[in-house]
Every structure is written in C-alpha cells, then in structure tokens.
Protein backbone atom coordinates (compact mmCIF):
# COMPACT_ATOMS: atom_id res chain seq x y z
CA MET A 1 -36.74 9.81 -169.86
CA SER A 2 -33.87 11.20 -167.84
CA GLU A 3 -34.21 14.29 -165.72
CA THR A 4 -31.90 17.34 -166.26
CA ASP A 5 -29.42 17.92 -163.54
CA TRP A 6 -30.17 21.70 -162.98
CA ASN A 7 -27.57 21.92 -160.32
CA SER A 8 -24.81 21.50 -162.85
CA LEU A 9 -26.03 23.78 -165.52
CA ARG A 10 -24.87 27.36 -166.19
CA ALA A 11 -26.29 30.06 -168.43
CA PRO A 12 -24.94 29.87 -171.95
CA ASP A 13 -21.81 32.06 -172.31
CA LEU A 14 -20.76 34.30 -175.26
CA ALA A 15 -19.13 31.28 -177.00
CA ALA A 16 -22.20 29.33 -176.83
CA ILE A 17 -24.38 32.04 -178.23
CA GLU A 18 -21.78 32.55 -181.01
CA ALA A 19 -21.99 28.81 -181.81
CA LEU A 20 -25.76 29.05 -182.00
CA ALA A 21 -25.34 31.98 -184.31
CA GLU A 22 -22.89 30.21 -186.59
CA ALA A 23 -25.13 27.15 -186.74
CA ALA A 24 -28.16 29.27 -187.58
CA PHE A 25 -26.18 31.04 -190.27
CA ALA A 26 -24.96 27.79 -191.69
CA ARG A 27 -28.67 26.63 -192.09
CA LEU A 28 -29.63 29.72 -194.11
CA PRO A 29 -30.11 29.20 -197.95
CA GLU A 30 -26.85 29.36 -199.84
CA GLU A 31 -27.91 32.31 -202.12
CA PHE A 32 -28.76 34.39 -198.80
CA ARG A 33 -25.35 33.38 -197.25
CA ALA A 34 -23.37 34.34 -200.43
CA LEU A 35 -24.81 37.81 -200.33
CA CYS A 36 -23.49 38.14 -196.77
CA GLU A 37 -19.92 38.00 -197.71
CA GLY A 38 -18.00 40.39 -195.45
CA VAL A 39 -20.76 40.73 -192.89
CA VAL A 40 -19.25 40.21 -189.29
CA ILE A 41 -21.33 38.63 -186.61
CA ARG A 42 -20.33 39.61 -183.12
CA VAL A 43 -21.83 38.75 -179.70
CA GLU A 44 -21.50 40.95 -176.76
CA GLU A 45 -22.95 40.91 -173.31
CA PHE A 46 -25.03 44.09 -173.70
CA PRO A 47 -25.20 47.02 -176.25
CA ASP A 48 -22.84 49.95 -175.32
CA GLU A 49 -24.31 53.13 -173.93
CA GLU A 50 -24.07 54.97 -177.17
CA THR A 51 -26.06 52.47 -179.00
CA LEU A 52 -28.65 52.34 -176.29
CA ASN A 53 -29.09 56.12 -176.46
CA GLU A 54 -29.05 56.10 -180.39
CA MET A 55 -31.84 53.45 -180.38
CA GLY A 56 -33.87 55.18 -177.75
CA CYS A 57 -33.63 52.09 -175.35
CA GLU A 58 -35.01 52.59 -171.84
CA SER A 59 -33.05 49.56 -170.65
CA GLU A 60 -29.92 47.67 -171.53
CA PHE A 61 -32.27 44.68 -172.06
CA ASP A 62 -34.47 46.27 -174.77
CA LEU A 63 -32.17 45.42 -177.74
CA LEU A 64 -31.55 41.84 -178.71
CA GLY A 65 -29.50 42.57 -181.80
CA LEU A 66 -28.40 45.29 -184.22
CA PHE A 67 -27.16 45.65 -187.80
CA ARG A 68 -24.72 48.44 -188.28
CA GLY A 69 -23.35 49.37 -191.63
CA THR A 70 -24.60 50.27 -195.22
CA GLY A 71 -26.86 47.62 -196.52
CA LEU A 72 -26.91 46.20 -199.98
CA ALA A 73 -30.00 48.13 -200.76
CA GLN A 74 -27.80 51.37 -200.08
CA GLY A 75 -24.87 50.04 -202.17
CA GLY A 76 -23.07 48.42 -199.31
CA GLY A 77 -21.18 45.09 -199.21
CA ALA A 78 -17.77 43.45 -198.91
CA LEU A 79 -16.57 44.95 -202.15
CA ASN A 80 -17.77 48.51 -201.62
CA LEU A 81 -15.92 49.41 -198.42
CA ALA A 82 -14.48 52.78 -198.32
CA THR A 83 -11.08 53.47 -196.84
CA GLY A 84 -11.54 53.59 -193.04
CA GLN A 85 -15.12 52.24 -193.16
CA PHE A 86 -16.00 49.53 -190.76
CA PRO A 87 -17.46 46.24 -192.39
CA ASN A 88 -21.14 45.56 -192.10
CA MET A 89 -21.92 44.11 -188.76
CA VAL A 90 -24.55 42.11 -186.96
CA TRP A 91 -24.52 42.36 -183.21
CA LEU A 92 -26.28 39.89 -180.84
CA TYR A 93 -26.59 40.75 -177.25
CA ARG A 94 -26.35 37.73 -174.96
CA ARG A 95 -27.92 38.96 -171.68
CA PRO A 96 -30.98 40.51 -173.41
CA LEU A 97 -31.28 37.29 -175.47
CA LEU A 98 -31.20 35.23 -172.40
CA ASP A 99 -33.70 37.54 -170.52
CA TYR A 100 -36.25 37.37 -173.46
CA TRP A 101 -35.66 33.54 -173.74
CA ALA A 102 -36.49 33.14 -170.10
CA GLU A 103 -39.75 34.97 -170.49
CA HIS A 104 -40.95 33.17 -173.63
CA ASP A 105 -41.83 29.71 -174.83
CA GLU A 106 -39.23 29.13 -177.65
CA THR A 107 -35.69 27.50 -177.68
CA LEU A 108 -32.65 29.65 -177.49
CA GLY A 109 -31.59 28.28 -180.77
CA HIS A 110 -34.70 29.52 -182.42
CA LEU A 111 -34.54 32.91 -180.92
CA VAL A 112 -30.91 33.42 -181.98
CA ALA A 113 -31.64 32.29 -185.48
CA HIS A 114 -34.78 34.67 -185.50
CA VAL A 115 -32.65 37.72 -184.26
CA LEU A 116 -29.78 36.81 -186.72
CA VAL A 117 -32.11 36.61 -189.63
CA HIS A 118 -33.80 39.76 -188.70
CA GLU A 119 -30.55 41.65 -188.40
CA ILE A 120 -29.02 40.33 -191.58
CA GLY A 121 -32.43 41.26 -193.25
CA HIS A 122 -31.48 44.83 -192.64
CA HIS A 123 -28.39 44.24 -194.64
CA PHE A 124 -30.57 43.24 -197.51
CA GLY A 125 -33.24 45.82 -197.00
CA LEU A 126 -35.89 42.98 -196.61
CA SER A 127 -39.30 43.32 -195.34
CA ASP A 128 -40.51 41.36 -192.34
CA ASP A 129 -42.33 39.07 -194.62
CA ASP A 130 -39.28 38.31 -196.64
CA MET A 131 -37.43 37.58 -193.40
CA ALA A 132 -40.01 35.26 -192.16
CA ALA A 133 -39.82 33.12 -195.37
CA ILE A 134 -35.92 32.87 -195.12
CA GLU A 135 -36.36 31.92 -191.49
CA ALA A 136 -38.86 29.22 -192.31
CA ALA A 137 -36.48 28.02 -195.00
CA ALA A 138 -33.73 27.72 -192.43
CA GLU A 139 -35.90 25.70 -190.08
CA ALA A 140 -36.85 23.06 -192.79
C-alpha cells in the first residue's frame, strides 16, 4: 500500500467540488434527474451575508447548501418561469463543506452527494425519508 504524499496535496477548489456535484447528480435515478430540468447547481466559497442573515446563521460555516426558487410542489419548474424570475438553484458552499468534512468520518464525495440530494429534495418538496431513499439509490 502506497503512502499519500500529504506535502503535495491541496484542499479541493471550487472546480473539484463542482465535479463531485456533477458526478453525484449523474448517479441519481433518471426519473429524478429528468424532473430537475432547469435547476442550476452553483458552488461558491461561502453563502453571502444576506443569505446568512435570512437563514439565521451564526457563522458563515453553518450552511452547507441551499435551494432557492419555487419548488415543483409550489408550481415551479423550468417551464413555469415568470419573466424576470431566476431559475431554481442549488447552492453548495465549499468552505463549510470542507470544514464539515474535516470534522466527520465520511468521504467528501458522499458529503457533497448528500447535501446535493437534500437541496434538490426541497425542489421536489420531499421528506427526509424520501431523500434518504434517493441517496441510497444513487450509492448503489
């Protein structure tokens, strides 16, 4: 077994987190992905100040991801955008994800997939049990 050269490794950047999110999305069931048409997935370093205040966060590390928009349960979707309305978006926050990852015993890929499914689940109006089942299907 080879040893990891920790001296040459760097923290995953925005592009790496985005690649993990894209790979996780690609593993989701086809019927789930089809209903996500028009949902934009963005990766940022941190949530902005307005989001932190709106969500009642005490720290910029408190929020790993966020869904913004009108979910399917509320009549939202790619075909129902009103003029001037932003598309439904899922935000993943790199630094809070990395901080959480450093403190827990799970892979970064699993964490990104979990947060992505949870936030997309808000688009569908799904329960936590529904989201857990979809996540389990994506891991199979």
